[in-house]
């Protein structure tokens, strides 16, 4: 496998965070509900709080 492989290049080009890439991968696999612990995704929690204000 060469680095970065095609899917990662696609995600990086789209400017997605690591969490967003993982969620998109799960969504494509058919998983629609994901619970994220704030201790493991501080950037997503901070962004969500900012968007609600």
C-alpha atoms as a PDB file:
ATOM      1  CA  UNK A   1       0.000   0.000   0.000  1.00  0.00           C
ATOM      2  CA  UNK A   2       1.318   3.409  -0.872  1.00  0.00           C
ATOM      3  CA  UNK A   3       0.918   6.314   1.470  1.00  0.00           C
ATOM      4  CA  UNK A   4      -1.378   8.129   1.522  1.00  0.00           C
ATOM      5  CA  UNK A   5      -3.851   5.725  -0.047  1.00  0.00           C
ATOM      6  CA  UNK A   6      -6.721   7.088  -2.141  1.00  0.00           C
ATOM      7  CA  UNK A   7      -9.458   7.326   0.550  1.00  0.00           C
ATOM      8  CA  UNK A   8      -7.158   9.232   2.904  1.00  0.00           C
ATOM      9  CA  UNK A   9      -6.153  11.637   0.137  1.00  0.00           C
ATOM     10  CA  UNK A  10      -9.850  12.236  -0.543  1.00  0.00           C
ATOM     11  CA  UNK A  11     -10.564  13.015   3.120  1.00  0.00           C
ATOM     12  CA  UNK A  12      -7.482  15.185   3.554  1.00  0.00           C
ATOM     13  CA  UNK A  13      -8.296  17.147   0.419  1.00  0.00           C
ATOM     14  CA  UNK A  14     -11.775  17.775   1.817  1.00  0.00           C
ATOM     15  CA  UNK A  15     -10.227  19.306   4.962  1.00  0.00           C
ATOM     16  CA  UNK A  16     -11.887  16.879   7.376  1.00  0.00           C
ATOM     17  CA  UNK A  17     -10.651  16.239  10.908  1.00  0.00           C
ATOM     18  CA  UNK A  18      -9.715  12.739  12.035  1.00  0.00           C
ATOM     19  CA  UNK A  19     -13.043  12.378  13.855  1.00  0.00           C
ATOM     20  CA  UNK A  20     -14.995  13.526  10.799  1.00  0.00           C
ATOM     21  CA  UNK A  21     -13.149  11.010   8.614  1.00  0.00           C
ATOM     22  CA  UNK A  22     -13.962   8.211  11.049  1.00  0.00           C
ATOM     23  CA  UNK A  23     -17.632   9.219  11.247  1.00  0.00           C
ATOM     24  CA  UNK A  24     -17.886   9.368   7.460  1.00  0.00           C
ATOM     25  CA  UNK A  25     -16.367   5.891   7.212  1.00  0.00           C
ATOM     26  CA  UNK A  26     -18.907   4.554   9.728  1.00  0.00           C
ATOM     27  CA  UNK A  27     -21.735   6.298   7.861  1.00  0.00           C
ATOM     28  CA  UNK A  28     -20.668   4.695   4.595  1.00  0.00           C
ATOM     29  CA  UNK A  29     -20.665   1.329   6.387  1.00  0.00           C
ATOM     30  CA  UNK A  30     -24.311   1.845   7.359  1.00  0.00           C
ATOM     31  CA  UNK A  31     -23.821   2.919  10.970  1.00  0.00           C
ATOM     32  CA  UNK A  32     -26.056   5.933  11.534  1.00  0.00           C
ATOM     33  CA  UNK A  33     -25.891   6.454  15.319  1.00  0.00           C
ATOM     34  CA  UNK A  34     -22.533   6.960  17.027  1.00  0.00           C
ATOM     35  CA  UNK A  35     -21.947   8.065  20.615  1.00  0.00           C
ATOM     36  CA  UNK A  36     -18.730  10.035  21.101  1.00  0.00           C
ATOM     37  CA  UNK A  37     -17.180  10.490  24.524  1.00  0.00           C
ATOM     38  CA  UNK A  38     -16.005  14.079  24.963  1.00  0.00           C
ATOM     39  CA  UNK A  39     -12.754  12.880  26.523  1.00  0.00           C
ATOM     40  CA  UNK A  40     -11.760  11.345  23.191  1.00  0.00           C
ATOM     41  CA  UNK A  41     -12.878  14.120  20.839  1.00  0.00           C
ATOM     42  CA  UNK A  42     -12.247  17.535  22.379  1.00  0.00           C
ATOM     43  CA  UNK A  43     -12.125  19.378  19.035  1.00  0.00           C
ATOM     44  CA  UNK A  44     -15.553  18.075  18.014  1.00  0.00           C
ATOM     45  CA  UNK A  45     -17.098  19.008  21.347  1.00  0.00           C
ATOM     46  CA  UNK A  46     -15.583  22.493  21.204  1.00  0.00           C
ATOM     47  CA  UNK A  47     -16.873  22.979  17.657  1.00  0.00           C
ATOM     48  CA  UNK A  48     -20.363  21.738  18.579  1.00  0.00           C
ATOM     49  CA  UNK A  49     -20.509  24.127  21.542  1.00  0.00           C
ATOM     50  CA  UNK A  50     -19.431  27.031  19.328  1.00  0.00           C
ATOM     51  CA  UNK A  51     -22.043  26.221  16.674  1.00  0.00           C
ATOM     52  CA  UNK A  52     -24.851  26.181  19.271  1.00  0.00           C
ATOM     53  CA  UNK A  53     -24.024  29.700  20.507  1.00  0.00           C
END
